[in-house]
Amino acid sequence: MENYRIYFEPEEKEDVFRILRSYSDILIDNINTSSFGITIERDDAESFYLRVLDQVDREVYSFRPHNRYAWPR
C-alpha cells in the first residue's frame, strides 16, 4: 500500500476524479482545490501509479492549452 498525489487544474478535476474512481485498487484519501491524495492497495503500487498517470496524461492533460505557441504579451 502506497500513498500518492495527483495534481490537476480546476477545470480538470471531474475528469481526473472519473478516472480514479474507475479503479477498485485506488482509495481517494484527500481532495483539495488542486490535487487528490490517493492510496494504491496493490503490491505493484508504483508501476500501477505510473500507468494511471499515463491514462490521466492521455485523457486529460493532453488537452491543456499549449502556451508555447502563444504570442508574447
PDB file of N, CA and C in Angstrom:
ATOM      1  N   MET A   1       0.841  -1.165   0.000  1.00  0.00           N
ATOM      2  CA  MET A   1       0.000   0.000   0.000  1.00  0.00           C
ATOM      3  C   MET A   1       0.893   1.237   0.000  1.00  0.00           C
ATOM      4  N   GLU A   2       0.670   2.129  -0.970  1.00  0.00           N
ATOM      5  CA  GLU A   2       1.472   3.340  -1.087  1.00  0.00           C
ATOM      6  C   GLU A   2       0.572   4.557  -1.281  1.00  0.00           C
ATOM      7  N   ASN A   3       1.035   5.709  -0.809  1.00  0.00           N
ATOM      8  CA  ASN A   3       0.289   6.963  -0.943  1.00  0.00           C
ATOM      9  C   ASN A   3       0.911   7.832  -2.027  1.00  0.00           C
ATOM     10  N   TYR A   4       0.052   8.487  -2.811  1.00  0.00           N
ATOM     11  CA  TYR A   4       0.496   9.354  -3.902  1.00  0.00           C
ATOM     12  C   TYR A   4      -0.421  10.563  -3.983  1.00  0.00           C
ATOM     13  N   ARG A   5      -0.028  11.522  -4.796  1.00  0.00           N
ATOM     14  CA  ARG A   5      -0.841  12.718  -5.031  1.00  0.00           C
ATOM     15  C   ARG A   5      -0.887  12.967  -6.528  1.00  0.00           C
ATOM     16  N   ILE A   6      -2.070  13.303  -7.027  1.00  0.00           N
ATOM     17  CA  ILE A   6      -2.255  13.633  -8.439  1.00  0.00           C
ATOM     18  C   ILE A   6      -2.793  15.060  -8.513  1.00  0.00           C
ATOM     19  N   TYR A   7      -2.092  15.906  -9.249  1.00  0.00           N
ATOM     20  CA  TYR A   7      -2.442  17.322  -9.362  1.00  0.00           C
ATOM     21  C   TYR A   7      -3.251  17.588 -10.623  1.00  0.00           C
ATOM     22  N   PHE A   8      -4.062  18.637 -10.581  1.00  0.00           N
ATOM     23  CA  PHE A   8      -4.915  18.984 -11.714  1.00  0.00           C
ATOM     24  C   PHE A   8      -5.220  20.475 -11.687  1.00  0.00           C
ATOM     25  N   GLU A   9      -5.655  20.975 -12.832  1.00  0.00           N
ATOM     26  CA  GLU A   9      -6.184  22.335 -12.945  1.00  0.00           C
ATOM     27  C   GLU A   9      -7.662  22.278 -12.547  1.00  0.00           C
ATOM     28  N   PRO A  10      -8.255  23.379 -12.089  1.00  0.00           N
ATOM     29  CA  PRO A  10      -9.654  23.333 -11.627  1.00  0.00           C
ATOM     30  C   PRO A  10     -10.627  22.727 -12.652  1.00  0.00           C
ATOM     31  N   GLU A  11     -10.459  23.046 -13.918  1.00  0.00           N
ATOM     32  CA  GLU A  11     -11.382  22.524 -14.935  1.00  0.00           C
ATOM     33  C   GLU A  11     -11.142  21.043 -15.255  1.00  0.00           C
ATOM     34  N   GLU A  12     -10.070  20.455 -14.747  1.00  0.00           N
ATOM     35  CA  GLU A  12      -9.756  19.043 -14.999  1.00  0.00           C
ATOM     36  C   GLU A  12     -10.208  18.126 -13.868  1.00  0.00           C
ATOM     37  N   LYS A  13     -10.675  18.699 -12.773  1.00  0.00           N
ATOM     38  CA  LYS A  13     -10.972  17.929 -11.562  1.00  0.00           C
ATOM     39  C   LYS A  13     -11.935  16.769 -11.821  1.00  0.00           C
ATOM     40  N   GLU A  14     -13.034  17.017 -12.478  1.00  0.00           N
ATOM     41  CA  GLU A  14     -14.034  15.970 -12.698  1.00  0.00           C
ATOM     42  C   GLU A  14     -13.501  14.838 -13.575  1.00  0.00           C
ATOM     43  N   ASP A  15     -12.711  15.169 -14.585  1.00  0.00           N
ATOM     44  CA  ASP A  15     -12.151  14.141 -15.461  1.00  0.00           C
ATOM     45  C   ASP A  15     -11.147  13.256 -14.724  1.00  0.00           C
ATOM     46  N   VAL A  16     -10.287  13.876 -13.920  1.00  0.00           N
ATOM     47  CA  VAL A  16      -9.324  13.099 -13.138  1.00  0.00           C
ATOM     48  C   VAL A  16     -10.059  12.250 -12.111  1.00  0.00           C
ATOM     49  N   PHE A  17     -11.061  12.815 -11.470  1.00  0.00           N
ATOM     50  CA  PHE A  17     -11.860  12.084 -10.485  1.00  0.00           C
ATOM     51  C   PHE A  17     -12.526  10.859 -11.115  1.00  0.00           C
ATOM     52  N   ARG A  18     -13.073  11.026 -12.313  1.00  0.00           N
ATOM     53  CA  ARG A  18     -13.711   9.913 -13.028  1.00  0.00           C
ATOM     54  C   ARG A  18     -12.718   8.774 -13.265  1.00  0.00           C
ATOM     55  N   ILE A  19     -11.513   9.109 -13.688  1.00  0.00           N
ATOM     56  CA  ILE A  19     -10.505   8.087 -13.941  1.00  0.00           C
ATOM     57  C   ILE A  19     -10.129   7.364 -12.652  1.00  0.00           C
ATOM     58  N   LEU A  20      -9.884   8.109 -11.587  1.00  0.00           N
ATOM     59  CA  LEU A  20      -9.510   7.487 -10.314  1.00  0.00           C
ATOM     60  C   LEU A  20     -10.602   6.573  -9.786  1.00  0.00           C
ATOM     61  N   ARG A  21     -11.850   7.003  -9.923  1.00  0.00           N
ATOM     62  CA  ARG A  21     -12.974   6.193  -9.423  1.00  0.00           C
ATOM     63  C   ARG A  21     -13.186   4.923 -10.234  1.00  0.00           C
ATOM     64  N   SER A  22     -12.609   4.838 -11.403  1.00  0.00           N
ATOM     65  CA  SER A  22     -12.809   3.647 -12.242  1.00  0.00           C
ATOM     66  C   SER A  22     -11.957   2.458 -11.778  1.00  0.00           C
ATOM     67  N   TYR A  23     -11.049   2.681 -10.840  1.00  0.00           N
ATOM     68  CA  TYR A  23     -10.164   1.620 -10.341  1.00  0.00           C
ATOM     69  C   TYR A  23     -10.553   1.228  -8.920  1.00  0.00           C
ATOM     70  N   SER A  24     -10.736  -0.054  -8.704  1.00  0.00           N
ATOM     71  CA  SER A  24     -11.091  -0.524  -7.361  1.00  0.00           C
ATOM     72  C   SER A  24      -9.886  -0.576  -6.433  1.00  0.00           C
ATOM     73  N   ASP A  25      -8.663  -0.516  -6.976  1.00  0.00           N
ATOM     74  CA  ASP A  25      -7.453  -0.566  -6.163  1.00  0.00           C
ATOM     75  C   ASP A  25      -7.009   0.809  -5.672  1.00  0.00           C
ATOM     76  N   ILE A  26      -7.747   1.859  -6.038  1.00  0.00           N
ATOM     77  CA  ILE A  26      -7.386   3.212  -5.630  1.00  0.00           C
ATOM     78  C   ILE A  26      -8.392   3.721  -4.609  1.00  0.00           C
ATOM     79  N   LEU A  27      -7.869   4.174  -3.479  1.00  0.00           N
ATOM     80  CA  LEU A  27      -8.675   4.787  -2.437  1.00  0.00           C
ATOM     81  C   LEU A  27      -8.346   6.278  -2.428  1.00  0.00           C
ATOM     82  N   ILE A  28      -9.352   7.119  -2.615  1.00  0.00           N
ATOM     83  CA  ILE A  28      -9.147   8.568  -2.598  1.00  0.00           C
ATOM     84  C   ILE A  28      -9.226   9.027  -1.152  1.00  0.00           C
ATOM     85  N   ASP A  29      -8.088   9.474  -0.624  1.00  0.00           N
ATOM     86  CA  ASP A  29      -7.979   9.844   0.787  1.00  0.00           C
ATOM     87  C   ASP A  29      -8.274  11.304   1.050  1.00  0.00           C
ATOM     88  N   ASN A  30      -7.884  12.161   0.108  1.00  0.00           N
ATOM     89  CA  ASN A  30      -7.938  13.586   0.352  1.00  0.00           C
ATOM     90  C   ASN A  30      -8.182  14.306  -0.959  1.00  0.00           C
ATOM     91  N   ILE A  31      -9.062  15.300  -0.922  1.00  0.00           N
ATOM     92  CA  ILE A  31      -9.331  16.119  -2.104  1.00  0.00           C
ATOM     93  C   ILE A  31      -9.184  17.576  -1.690  1.00  0.00           C
ATOM     94  N   ASN A  32      -8.393  18.332  -2.451  1.00  0.00           N
ATOM     95  CA  ASN A  32      -8.354  19.773  -2.232  1.00  0.00           C
ATOM     96  C   ASN A  32      -8.520  20.470  -3.579  1.00  0.00           C
ATOM     97  N   THR A  33      -8.274  21.746  -3.634  1.00  0.00           N
ATOM     98  CA  THR A  33      -8.572  22.518  -4.847  1.00  0.00           C
ATOM     99  C   THR A  33      -7.666  22.201  -6.022  1.00  0.00           C
ATOM    100  N   SER A  34      -6.517  21.559  -5.784  1.00  0.00           N
ATOM    101  CA  SER A  34      -5.605  21.305  -6.889  1.00  0.00           C
ATOM    102  C   SER A  34      -5.032  19.894  -6.942  1.00  0.00           C
ATOM    103  N   SER A  35      -5.483  18.997  -6.049  1.00  0.00           N
ATOM    104  CA  SER A  35      -4.930  17.641  -6.080  1.00  0.00           C
ATOM    105  C   SER A  35      -5.819  16.640  -5.349  1.00  0.00           C
ATOM    106  N   PHE A  36      -5.578  15.374  -5.680  1.00  0.00           N
ATOM    107  CA  PHE A  36      -6.182  14.243  -4.982  1.00  0.00           C
ATOM    108  C   PHE A  36      -5.068  13.498  -4.265  1.00  0.00           C
ATOM    109  N   GLY A  37      -5.276  13.178  -3.005  1.00  0.00           N
ATOM    110  CA  GLY A  37      -4.386  12.276  -2.288  1.00  0.00           C
ATOM    111  C   GLY A  37      -4.982  10.884  -2.413  1.00  0.00           C
ATOM    112  N   ILE A  38      -4.182   9.923  -2.876  1.00  0.00           N
ATOM    113  CA  ILE A  38      -4.702   8.575  -3.097  1.00  0.00           C
ATOM    114  C   ILE A  38      -3.819   7.538  -2.416  1.00  0.00           C
ATOM    115  N   THR A  39      -4.408   6.387  -2.129  1.00  0.00           N
ATOM    116  CA  THR A  39      -3.680   5.215  -1.662  1.00  0.00           C
ATOM    117  C   THR A  39      -3.931   4.105  -2.670  1.00  0.00           C
ATOM    118  N   ILE A  40      -2.859   3.475  -3.119  1.00  0.00           N
ATOM    119  CA  ILE A  40      -2.981   2.348  -4.042  1.00  0.00           C
ATOM    120  C   ILE A  40      -2.745   1.084  -3.240  1.00  0.00           C
ATOM    121  N   GLU A  41      -3.719   0.202  -3.270  1.00  0.00           N
ATOM    122  CA  GLU A  41      -3.689  -1.019  -2.476  1.00  0.00           C
ATOM    123  C   GLU A  41      -3.309  -2.210  -3.350  1.00  0.00           C
ATOM    124  N   ARG A  42      -2.069  -2.179  -3.839  1.00  0.00           N
ATOM    125  CA  ARG A  42      -1.539  -3.259  -4.678  1.00  0.00           C
ATOM    126  C   ARG A  42      -0.077  -3.477  -4.335  1.00  0.00           C
ATOM    127  N   ASP A  43       0.421  -4.659  -4.645  1.00  0.00           N
ATOM    128  CA  ASP A  43       1.839  -4.937  -4.423  1.00  0.00           C
ATOM    129  C   ASP A  43       2.723  -4.156  -5.393  1.00  0.00           C
ATOM    130  N   ASP A  44       2.234  -3.923  -6.600  1.00  0.00           N
ATOM    131  CA  ASP A  44       2.990  -3.189  -7.617  1.00  0.00           C
ATOM    132  C   ASP A  44       2.505  -1.739  -7.696  1.00  0.00           C
ATOM    133  N   ALA A  45       2.367  -1.094  -6.546  1.00  0.00           N
ATOM    134  CA  ALA A  45       1.748   0.232  -6.454  1.00  0.00           C
ATOM    135  C   ALA A  45       2.440   1.267  -7.344  1.00  0.00           C
ATOM    136  N   GLU A  46       3.772   1.285  -7.367  1.00  0.00           N
ATOM    137  CA  GLU A  46       4.467   2.316  -8.131  1.00  0.00           C
ATOM    138  C   GLU A  46       4.235   2.170  -9.632  1.00  0.00           C
ATOM    139  N   SER A  47       4.326   0.971 -10.159  1.00  0.00           N
ATOM    140  CA  SER A  47       4.097   0.789 -11.600  1.00  0.00           C
ATOM    141  C   SER A  47       2.626   1.024 -11.941  1.00  0.00           C
ATOM    142  N   PHE A  48       1.722   0.657 -11.051  1.00  0.00           N
ATOM    143  CA  PHE A  48       0.301   0.912 -11.277  1.00  0.00           C
ATOM    144  C   PHE A  48       0.023   2.417 -11.292  1.00  0.00           C
ATOM    145  N   TYR A  49       0.645   3.151 -10.351  1.00  0.00           N
ATOM    146  CA  TYR A  49       0.518   4.609 -10.298  1.00  0.00           C
ATOM    147  C   TYR A  49       0.987   5.235 -11.607  1.00  0.00           C
ATOM    148  N   LEU A  50       2.095   4.768 -12.138  1.00  0.00           N
ATOM    149  CA  LEU A  50       2.600   5.300 -13.409  1.00  0.00           C
ATOM    150  C   LEU A  50       1.641   5.011 -14.557  1.00  0.00           C
ATOM    151  N   ARG A  51       1.005   3.854 -14.545  1.00  0.00           N
ATOM    152  CA  ARG A  51       0.004   3.544 -15.577  1.00  0.00           C
ATOM    153  C   ARG A  51      -1.209   4.455 -15.450  1.00  0.00           C
ATOM    154  N   VAL A  52      -1.648   4.718 -14.226  1.00  0.00           N
ATOM    155  CA  VAL A  52      -2.777   5.631 -14.006  1.00  0.00           C
ATOM    156  C   VAL A  52      -2.404   7.041 -14.463  1.00  0.00           C
ATOM    157  N   LEU A  53      -1.199   7.497 -14.119  1.00  0.00           N
ATOM    158  CA  LEU A  53      -0.741   8.816 -14.568  1.00  0.00           C
ATOM    159  C   LEU A  53      -0.683   8.898 -16.089  1.00  0.00           C
ATOM    160  N   ASP A  54      -0.272   7.818 -16.726  1.00  0.00           N
ATOM    161  CA  ASP A  54      -0.237   7.787 -18.186  1.00  0.00           C
ATOM    162  C   ASP A  54      -1.649   7.947 -18.753  1.00  0.00           C
ATOM    163  N   GLN A  55      -2.622   7.282 -18.147  1.00  0.00           N
ATOM    164  CA  GLN A  55      -4.008   7.421 -18.596  1.00  0.00           C
ATOM    165  C   GLN A  55      -4.503   8.848 -18.385  1.00  0.00           C
ATOM    166  N   VAL A  56      -4.228   9.427 -17.222  1.00  0.00           N
ATOM    167  CA  VAL A  56      -4.625  10.809 -16.949  1.00  0.00           C
ATOM    168  C   VAL A  56      -3.962  11.750 -17.952  1.00  0.00           C
ATOM    169  N   ASP A  57      -2.711  11.502 -18.253  1.00  0.00           N
ATOM    170  CA  ASP A  57      -1.993  12.334 -19.224  1.00  0.00           C
ATOM    171  C   ASP A  57      -2.653  12.263 -20.597  1.00  0.00           C
ATOM    172  N   ARG A  58      -2.990  11.063 -21.043  1.00  0.00           N
ATOM    173  CA  ARG A  58      -3.616  10.886 -22.363  1.00  0.00           C
ATOM    174  C   ARG A  58      -5.016  11.478 -22.424  1.00  0.00           C
ATOM    175  N   GLU A  59      -5.815  11.260 -21.379  1.00  0.00           N
ATOM    176  CA  GLU A  59      -7.227  11.626 -21.420  1.00  0.00           C
ATOM    177  C   GLU A  59      -7.533  13.032 -20.897  1.00  0.00           C
ATOM    178  N   VAL A  60      -6.628  13.618 -20.131  1.00  0.00           N
ATOM    179  CA  VAL A  60      -6.911  14.921 -19.513  1.00  0.00           C
ATOM    180  C   VAL A  60      -5.830  15.942 -19.838  1.00  0.00           C
ATOM    181  N   TYR A  61      -4.600  15.680 -19.420  1.00  0.00           N
ATOM    182  CA  TYR A  61      -3.536  16.663 -19.556  1.00  0.00           C
ATOM    183  C   TYR A  61      -3.207  16.990 -21.006  1.00  0.00           C
ATOM    184  N   SER A  62      -3.373  16.045 -21.905  1.00  0.00           N
ATOM    185  CA  SER A  62      -3.024  16.293 -23.309  1.00  0.00           C
ATOM    186  C   SER A  62      -3.929  17.338 -23.954  1.00  0.00           C
ATOM    187  N   PHE A  63      -5.048  17.661 -23.311  1.00  0.00           N
ATOM    188  CA  PHE A  63      -5.966  18.662 -23.841  1.00  0.00           C
ATOM    189  C   PHE A  63      -5.732  20.053 -23.260  1.00  0.00           C
ATOM    190  N   ARG A  64      -4.693  20.203 -22.455  1.00  0.00           N
ATOM    191  CA  ARG A  64      -4.349  21.525 -21.916  1.00  0.00           C
ATOM    192  C   ARG A  64      -3.893  22.427 -23.056  1.00  0.00           C
ATOM    193  N   PRO A  65      -4.190  23.719 -22.970  1.00  0.00           N
ATOM    194  CA  PRO A  65      -3.680  24.641 -23.993  1.00  0.00           C
ATOM    195  C   PRO A  65      -2.152  24.686 -23.942  1.00  0.00           C
ATOM    196  N   HIS A  66      -1.562  24.753 -25.097  1.00  0.00           N
ATOM    197  CA  HIS A  66      -0.101  24.798 -25.177  1.00  0.00           C
ATOM    198  C   HIS A  66       0.344  26.243 -25.293  1.00  0.00           C
ATOM    199  N   ASN A  67       0.814  26.791 -24.194  1.00  0.00           N
ATOM    200  CA  ASN A  67       1.196  28.201 -24.143  1.00  0.00           C
ATOM    201  C   ASN A  67       2.463  28.506 -24.934  1.00  0.00           C
ATOM    202  N   ARG A  68       3.207  27.495 -25.308  1.00  0.00           N
ATOM    203  CA  ARG A  68       4.455  27.772 -26.022  1.00  0.00           C
ATOM    204  C   ARG A  68       4.198  28.360 -27.397  1.00  0.00           C
ATOM    205  N   TYR A  69       2.988  28.240 -27.924  1.00  0.00           N
ATOM    206  CA  TYR A  69       2.655  28.780 -29.237  1.00  0.00           C
ATOM    207  C   TYR A  69       1.928  30.124 -29.133  1.00  0.00           C
ATOM    208  N   ALA A  70       1.735  30.605 -27.919  1.00  0.00           N
ATOM    209  CA  ALA A  70       1.024  31.875 -27.742  1.00  0.00           C
ATOM    210  C   ALA A  70       1.955  33.036 -28.055  1.00  0.00           C
ATOM    211  N   TRP A  71       1.384  34.103 -28.531  1.00  0.00           N
ATOM    212  CA  TRP A  71       2.150  35.312 -28.808  1.00  0.00           C
ATOM    213  C   TRP A  71       2.561  35.946 -27.506  1.00  0.00           C
ATOM    214  N   PRO A  72       3.765  36.508 -27.453  1.00  0.00           N
ATOM    215  CA  PRO A  72       4.187  37.214 -26.221  1.00  0.00           C
ATOM    216  C   PRO A  72       3.296  38.425 -25.970  1.00  0.00           C
ATOM    217  N   ARG A  73       3.096  38.711 -24.713  1.00  0.00           N
ATOM    218  CA  ARG A  73       2.241  39.851 -24.338  1.00  0.00           C
ATOM    219  C   ARG A  73       3.066  41.036 -23.964  1.00  0.00           C
TER     220      ARG A  73
END
